[in-house]
Amino acid sequence: ELLEIINDFLGKMNAGDRDIFVRRYWFFDSVAAIAKRHHMSAGSVKMNLYRNRKKLLKLLEKEGGRI
C-alpha cells in the first residue's frame, strides 16, 4: 500500500517536480546535476525537494491508517 500511495503522489506532481524528485531519490543524482538539467540554481532544487518532501510526509500521515 505504501508503494501505491507514493505512486499516486508522484502521478499528481507536474512533470518537472516529479523528475527532480525521482532523479534525487530514485537515481540519487546530485543536486548540482539536477540543477544543471533543469536550468535552475542548486538552492531552487533544494527548496523544491524540501517542499515536495513535506507534501509527501503530510500525505503519509493522512494515509497512515491505511498503511
Protein backbone atom coordinates (compact mmCIF):
# COMPACT_ATOMS: atom_id res chain seq x y z
CA GLU A 1 0.00 0.00 0.00
CA LEU A 2 2.89 2.36 0.67
CA LEU A 3 4.08 1.95 -2.90
CA GLU A 4 0.59 2.73 -4.16
CA ILE A 5 0.43 5.93 -2.07
CA ILE A 6 3.85 7.06 -3.32
CA ASN A 7 2.96 6.29 -6.92
CA ASP A 8 -0.27 8.28 -6.58
CA PHE A 9 1.71 11.16 -5.08
CA LEU A 10 4.20 11.12 -7.96
CA GLY A 11 1.40 10.82 -10.51
CA LYS A 12 -0.21 14.03 -9.25
CA MET A 13 3.01 16.07 -9.47
CA ASN A 14 3.81 18.16 -12.52
CA ALA A 15 6.43 16.64 -14.79
CA GLY A 16 9.28 18.93 -13.71
CA ASP A 17 8.75 18.41 -9.98
CA ARG A 18 8.38 14.67 -10.48
CA ASP A 19 11.63 14.49 -12.47
CA ILE A 20 13.50 16.43 -9.77
CA PHE A 21 12.09 14.19 -7.02
CA VAL A 22 12.77 10.92 -8.88
CA ARG A 23 16.23 11.99 -10.03
CA ARG A 24 17.23 12.75 -6.45
CA TYR A 25 15.60 9.90 -4.53
CA TRP A 26 15.44 7.10 -7.11
CA PHE A 27 18.53 7.70 -9.27
CA PHE A 28 20.49 9.50 -6.50
CA ASP A 29 21.55 12.33 -8.82
CA SER A 30 23.36 15.19 -7.13
CA VAL A 31 21.58 18.47 -6.54
CA ALA A 32 24.10 20.13 -8.86
CA ALA A 33 23.35 17.67 -11.68
CA ILE A 34 19.60 18.16 -11.25
CA ALA A 35 20.03 21.95 -11.20
CA LYS A 36 22.01 21.83 -14.44
CA ARG A 37 19.47 19.51 -16.09
CA HIS A 38 16.56 21.82 -15.18
CA HIS A 39 18.40 25.13 -15.66
CA MET A 40 17.82 26.04 -12.01
CA SER A 41 20.03 27.07 -9.12
CA ALA A 42 21.01 24.42 -6.57
CA GLY A 43 19.07 26.37 -3.96
CA SER A 44 15.90 26.20 -6.06
CA VAL A 45 16.30 22.44 -6.44
CA LYS A 46 16.81 22.03 -2.68
CA MET A 47 13.70 24.12 -1.96
CA ASN A 48 11.68 22.12 -4.47
CA LEU A 49 12.78 18.87 -2.83
CA TYR A 50 12.04 20.23 0.64
CA ARG A 51 8.52 21.34 -0.30
CA ASN A 52 7.70 18.05 -2.00
CA ARG A 53 9.06 16.01 0.91
CA LYS A 54 6.77 17.99 3.21
CA LYS A 55 3.79 17.27 0.92
CA LEU A 56 4.65 13.57 0.88
CA LEU A 57 5.01 13.49 4.67
CA LYS A 58 1.62 15.18 5.08
CA LEU A 59 0.05 12.63 2.72
CA LEU A 60 1.69 9.71 4.51
CA GLU A 61 0.48 10.98 7.88
CA LYS A 62 -3.04 11.38 6.48
CA GLU A 63 -2.98 7.91 4.95
CA GLY A 64 -1.26 6.37 7.99
CA GLY A 65 -4.31 4.37 8.97
CA ARG A 66 -4.40 2.79 5.54
CA ILE A 67 -0.81 1.53 5.60
